[in-house]
């Protein structure tokens, strides 16, 4: 599961605990408008992370909707 985490205090600890739980962290910017945040959460929920995925990044979606990109450690 990909888990959006906020970018406020304690980020590194939340990233570590998300990874320790076997989930894939995706850092979300707290300045995003609600519609963008909702689109990112929907994209993350629809993604199926492969085994070994370590973290997720977000492409801006300049050609359409935002896209989640998975990376390995």
Protein backbone atom coordinates (compact mmCIF):
# COMPACT_ATOMS: atom_id res chain seq x y z
CA UNK A 1 0.00 0.00 0.00
CA UNK A 2 1.22 3.53 -0.79
CA UNK A 3 0.74 5.88 2.15
CA UNK A 4 0.69 9.67 1.64
CA UNK A 5 2.48 11.36 4.55
CA UNK A 6 2.46 15.10 5.25
CA UNK A 7 5.56 17.26 5.08
CA UNK A 8 5.40 18.74 8.59
CA UNK A 9 7.43 17.92 11.72
CA UNK A 10 8.55 14.36 12.32
CA UNK A 11 8.64 13.48 8.62
CA UNK A 12 11.71 11.24 8.82
CA UNK A 13 10.23 9.20 11.66
CA UNK A 14 6.93 8.79 9.77
CA UNK A 15 8.88 7.67 6.69
CA UNK A 16 10.80 5.10 8.75
CA UNK A 17 7.68 3.77 10.46
CA UNK A 18 5.80 3.56 7.14
CA UNK A 19 8.64 1.53 5.60
CA UNK A 20 8.94 -0.63 8.74
CA UNK A 21 5.24 -1.50 8.37
CA UNK A 22 5.96 -2.77 4.84
CA UNK A 23 4.22 0.15 3.17
CA UNK A 24 5.53 2.62 0.57
CA UNK A 25 5.71 6.28 1.66
CA UNK A 26 4.73 9.18 -0.61
CA UNK A 27 5.49 12.65 0.77
CA UNK A 28 2.56 15.03 0.27
CA UNK A 29 2.97 18.82 0.29
CA UNK A 30 0.70 20.47 2.86
CA UNK A 31 0.33 23.48 0.53
CA UNK A 32 -1.51 21.47 -2.14
CA UNK A 33 -5.10 22.48 -2.80
CA UNK A 34 -7.62 19.91 -1.56
CA UNK A 35 -8.49 18.83 -5.12
CA UNK A 36 -4.83 18.04 -5.83
CA UNK A 37 -4.45 16.20 -2.53
CA UNK A 38 -7.57 14.13 -3.34
CA UNK A 39 -6.18 13.28 -6.81
CA UNK A 40 -2.86 12.16 -5.29
CA UNK A 41 -4.60 10.00 -2.69
CA UNK A 42 -6.74 8.41 -5.43
CA UNK A 43 -3.67 7.76 -7.62
CA UNK A 44 -1.82 6.22 -4.66
CA UNK A 45 -4.79 4.02 -3.79
CA UNK A 46 -5.02 2.78 -7.39
CA UNK A 47 -1.31 1.94 -7.67
CA UNK A 48 -0.16 -1.60 -6.96
CA UNK A 49 3.41 -1.37 -5.68
CA UNK A 50 5.65 -4.22 -6.80
CA UNK A 51 7.73 -6.17 -4.33
CA UNK A 52 10.81 -4.19 -3.36
CA UNK A 53 9.28 -0.74 -3.89
CA UNK A 54 10.92 1.55 -1.35
CA UNK A 55 9.32 4.92 -1.94
CA UNK A 56 6.92 6.72 -4.22
CA UNK A 57 7.29 10.04 -6.00
CA UNK A 58 4.70 12.11 -7.73
CA UNK A 59 4.91 13.41 -11.28
CA UNK A 60 3.15 16.72 -11.66
CA UNK A 61 0.64 15.55 -14.20
CA UNK A 62 1.44 18.35 -16.65
CA UNK A 63 0.16 16.07 -19.44
CA UNK A 64 -3.04 15.17 -17.62
CA UNK A 65 -3.53 13.82 -14.11
CA UNK A 66 -0.81 13.32 -11.44
CA UNK A 67 1.02 10.02 -11.66
CA UNK A 68 2.65 8.00 -8.91
CA UNK A 69 6.16 6.74 -9.75
CA UNK A 70 7.55 3.88 -7.64
CA UNK A 71 11.25 3.55 -6.85
CA UNK A 72 13.35 0.76 -5.42
CA UNK A 73 15.91 1.25 -2.65
